[in-house]
C-alpha atoms as a PDB file:
ATOM      1  CA  MET A   1      37.234  84.588 139.818  1.00  0.00           C
ATOM      2  CA  SER A   2      38.813  86.850 137.381  1.00  0.00           C
ATOM      3  CA  GLN A   3      42.063  85.996 135.801  1.00  0.00           C
ATOM      4  CA  THR A   4      44.580  88.706 135.641  1.00  0.00           C
ATOM      5  CA  SER A   5      46.908  88.313 132.773  1.00  0.00           C
ATOM      6  CA  MET A   6      50.450  89.291 133.442  1.00  0.00           C
ATOM      7  CA  PRO A   7      52.259  90.990 130.621  1.00  0.00           C
ATOM      8  CA  GLN A   8      54.758  88.632 129.148  1.00  0.00           C
ATOM      9  CA  THR A   9      58.193  90.014 128.753  1.00  0.00           C
ATOM     10  CA  ALA A  10      60.372  88.700 126.045  1.00  0.00           C
ATOM     11  CA  ILE A  11      63.800  87.584 127.066  1.00  0.00           C
ATOM     12  CA  PRO A  12      66.210  89.479 124.901  1.00  0.00           C
ATOM     13  CA  GLN A  13      68.479  87.221 122.942  1.00  0.00           C
ATOM     14  CA  THR A  14      71.996  88.457 122.908  1.00  0.00           C
ATOM     15  CA  ARG A  15      73.616  87.650 119.660  1.00  0.00           C
ATOM     16  CA  SER A  16      76.986  89.004 118.876  1.00  0.00           C
ATOM     17  CA  LYS A  17      77.206  90.665 115.533  1.00  0.00           C
ATOM     18  CA  PRO A  18      79.444  88.867 113.112  1.00  0.00           C
ATOM     19  CA  SER A  19      82.673  90.702 112.575  1.00  0.00           C
ATOM     20  CA  LYS A  20      83.128  92.422 109.247  1.00  0.00           C
ATOM     21  CA  ARG A  21      86.836  91.684 109.274  1.00  0.00           C
ATOM     22  CA  TYR A  22      87.982  88.949 106.933  1.00  0.00           C
ATOM     23  CA  ARG A  23      90.159  86.645 109.004  1.00  0.00           C
ATOM     24  CA  GLY A  24      91.638  84.690 106.191  1.00  0.00           C
ATOM     25  CA  TYR A  25      95.139  86.050 105.674  1.00  0.00           C
ATOM     26  CA  VAL A  26      98.395  84.302 106.528  1.00  0.00           C
ATOM     27  CA  LEU A  27     101.978  85.342 106.027  1.00  0.00           C
ATOM     28  CA  THR A  28     103.734  83.894 103.031  1.00  0.00           C
ATOM     29  CA  HIS A  29     107.230  82.433 103.100  1.00  0.00           C
ATOM     30  CA  GLN A  30     108.546  85.888 102.176  1.00  0.00           C
ATOM     31  CA  GLY A  31     106.541  87.608 104.946  1.00  0.00           C
ATOM     32  CA  VAL A  32     107.584  85.128 107.642  1.00  0.00           C
ATOM     33  CA  ASP A  33     111.223  85.420 106.604  1.00  0.00           C
ATOM     34  CA  LYS A  34     111.061  89.222 106.748  1.00  0.00           C
ATOM     35  CA  LEU A  35     109.357  89.150 110.152  1.00  0.00           C
ATOM     36  CA  ARG A  36     111.705  86.580 111.698  1.00  0.00           C
ATOM     37  CA  CYS A  37     114.803  88.421 110.459  1.00  0.00           C
ATOM     38  CA  GLN A  38     113.556  91.645 112.044  1.00  0.00           C
ATOM     39  CA  LEU A  39     112.823  89.800 115.294  1.00  0.00           C
ATOM     40  CA  MET A  40     116.348  88.347 115.324  1.00  0.00           C
ATOM     41  CA  LYS A  41     117.807  91.833 114.821  1.00  0.00           C
ATOM     42  CA  LEU A  42     115.647  93.201 117.639  1.00  0.00           C
ATOM     43  CA  GLU A  43     116.709  90.387 119.970  1.00  0.00           C
ATOM     44  CA  ALA A  44     120.370  91.050 119.219  1.00  0.00           C
ATOM     45  CA  LYS A  45     119.902  94.792 119.768  1.00  0.00           C
ATOM     46  CA  THR A  46     117.790  94.650 122.941  1.00  0.00           C
ATOM     47  CA  CYS A  47     118.880  91.303 124.430  1.00  0.00           C
ATOM     48  CA  ILE A  48     115.175  90.577 124.980  1.00  0.00           C
ATOM     49  CA  ARG A  49     113.581  87.477 123.507  1.00  0.00           C
ATOM     50  CA  GLN A  50     110.795  88.541 121.164  1.00  0.00           C
ATOM     51  CA  ASN A  51     107.678  86.417 121.568  1.00  0.00           C
ATOM     52  CA  ALA A  52     103.960  86.948 120.998  1.00  0.00           C
ATOM     53  CA  ARG A  53     103.561  88.900 124.259  1.00  0.00           C
ATOM     54  CA  THR A  54     106.499  91.261 123.645  1.00  0.00           C
ATOM     55  CA  ILE A  55     105.411  91.857 120.061  1.00  0.00           C
ATOM     56  CA  ALA A  56     101.846  92.622 121.252  1.00  0.00           C
ATOM     57  CA  GLU A  57     103.283  95.099 123.771  1.00  0.00           C
ATOM     58  CA  ARG A  58     105.296  96.748 121.004  1.00  0.00           C
ATOM     59  CA  VAL A  59     102.144  97.028 118.864  1.00  0.00           C
ATOM     60  CA  GLN A  60     100.324  98.608 121.817  1.00  0.00           C
ATOM     61  CA  LEU A  61     102.950 101.360 121.886  1.00  0.00           C
ATOM     62  CA  THR A  62     102.433 102.213 118.226  1.00  0.00           C
ATOM     63  CA  ASP A  63      98.718 101.505 117.714  1.00  0.00           C
ATOM     64  CA  ILE A  64      95.931 102.519 120.074  1.00  0.00           C
ATOM     65  CA  GLN A  65      93.846  99.449 119.161  1.00  0.00           C
ATOM     66  CA  GLY A  66      96.680  97.119 120.038  1.00  0.00           C
ATOM     67  CA  ILE A  67      96.613  93.404 119.329  1.00  0.00           C
ATOM     68  CA  HIS A  68      96.113  90.278 121.407  1.00  0.00           C
ATOM     69  CA  PRO A  69      99.162  88.018 121.905  1.00  0.00           C
ATOM     70  CA  MET A  70      97.114  85.076 120.570  1.00  0.00           C
ATOM     71  CA  THR A  71      96.652  86.937 117.287  1.00  0.00           C
ATOM     72  CA  VAL A  72     100.406  87.537 117.109  1.00  0.00           C
ATOM     73  CA  ARG A  73     100.938  83.821 117.724  1.00  0.00           C
ATOM     74  CA  ARG A  74      98.549  82.975 114.867  1.00  0.00           C
ATOM     75  CA  ILE A  75     100.477  85.304 112.575  1.00  0.00           C
ATOM     76  CA  LEU A  76     103.820  83.746 113.504  1.00  0.00           C
ATOM     77  CA  GLN A  77     102.646  80.151 113.272  1.00  0.00           C
ATOM     78  CA  GLN A  78     100.581  80.539 110.075  1.00  0.00           C
ATOM     79  CA  HIS A  79      98.058  77.952 111.346  1.00  0.00           C
ATOM     80  CA  GLN A  80      95.012  80.189 111.173  1.00  0.00           C
ATOM     81  CA  GLY A  81      94.108  83.204 109.142  1.00  0.00           C
ATOM     82  CA  VAL A  82      93.915  86.648 110.716  1.00  0.00           C
ATOM     83  CA  ASP A  83      92.610  89.955 109.435  1.00  0.00           C
ATOM     84  CA  LYS A  84      94.930  92.024 107.282  1.00  0.00           C
ATOM     85  CA  ALA A  85      94.872  94.949 109.733  1.00  0.00           C
ATOM     86  CA  SER A  86      96.481  92.742 112.402  1.00  0.00           C
ATOM     87  CA  ILE A  87      99.315  91.815 110.065  1.00  0.00           C
ATOM     88  CA  GLU A  88      99.740  95.493 109.182  1.00  0.00           C
ATOM     89  CA  ARG A  89      99.904  96.465 112.880  1.00  0.00           C
ATOM     90  CA  VAL A  90     102.628  93.923 113.616  1.00  0.00           C
ATOM     91  CA  PHE A  91     104.710  94.979 110.618  1.00  0.00           C
ATOM     92  CA  ARG A  92     104.281  98.676 111.445  1.00  0.00           C
ATOM     93  CA  ALA A  93     105.272  98.116 115.097  1.00  0.00           C
ATOM     94  CA  LEU A  94     108.405  96.288 113.960  1.00  0.00           C
ATOM     95  CA  GLU A  95     109.185  99.026 111.433  1.00  0.00           C
ATOM     96  CA  LEU A  96     108.715  96.750 108.448  1.00  0.00           C
ATOM     97  CA  LEU A  97     107.120  97.524 105.111  1.00  0.00           C
ATOM     98  CA  LEU A  98     104.272  95.130 104.282  1.00  0.00           C
ATOM     99  CA  ASP A  99     104.398  94.153 100.618  1.00  0.00           C
ATOM    100  CA  MET A 100     101.642  92.337  98.738  1.00  0.00           C
ATOM    101  CA  GLY A 101     103.886  89.274  98.529  1.00  0.00           C
ATOM    102  CA  ASP A 102     104.151  89.094 102.332  1.00  0.00           C
ATOM    103  CA  TYR A 103     100.625  87.793 102.861  1.00  0.00           C
ATOM    104  CA  ALA A 104      98.046  85.685 101.053  1.00  0.00           C
ATOM    105  CA  HIS A 105      94.577  84.227 101.489  1.00  0.00           C
ATOM    106  CA  ALA A 106      94.856  81.254 103.835  1.00  0.00           C
ATOM    107  CA  SER A 107      92.745  79.042 101.585  1.00  0.00           C
ATOM    108  CA  LEU A 108      94.996  79.691  98.596  1.00  0.00           C
ATOM    109  CA  TYR A 109      98.370  79.399 100.303  1.00  0.00           C
ATOM    110  CA  THR A 110     100.305  76.311 101.258  1.00  0.00           C
ATOM    111  CA  LYS A 111     102.853  76.690 104.001  1.00  0.00           C
ATOM    112  CA  SER A 112     106.416  76.736 102.709  1.00  0.00           C
ATOM    113  CA  PRO A 113     109.455  75.225 104.418  1.00  0.00           C
ATOM    114  CA  LYS A 114     111.215  77.323 107.069  1.00  0.00           C
ATOM    115  CA  ALA A 115     113.047  80.328 105.742  1.00  0.00           C
ATOM    116  CA  VAL A 116     116.597  81.289 106.460  1.00  0.00           C
ATOM    117  CA  CYS A 117     117.326  84.886 107.379  1.00  0.00           C
ATOM    118  CA  GLN A 118     119.700  86.579 104.983  1.00  0.00           C
ATOM    119  CA  GLY A 119     121.046  89.853 106.152  1.00  0.00           C
END
C-alpha cells in the first residue's frame, strides 16, 4: 500500500497590525474648560444637548474620517488617553483652536478639579 501524502496547508494567522497612533494624550484643565464652555454655548444656541454622540456627528460633518462616540467620551472624561488627531478633530468640529496647553501626555498629567466656564 502506498501512502499518499496530502499537502499540508498552513492556517493563516490573522494578527492585527499595531496602530502607529500614540493614544496617550488627555485634555488638560485648560483644554477641558475650553471644550465645555464651547459646548455650553452650542447648547444655548441650538437647544440641543451636546453629548458624545452629537459631538461625533458634528465631527463627521467636518472630517471625512469622523470619530467614534466612545473616543469623544474618553476625551471628555479624561480617563484614558487618545491620539492627538482625535482631539484635533473634536476641537476643529467645535470651531476651537487647540493650543499646546490644552492637552498633555496622560502619564505625565494629573487630573485637575472641575473647571468653571468664564465667558
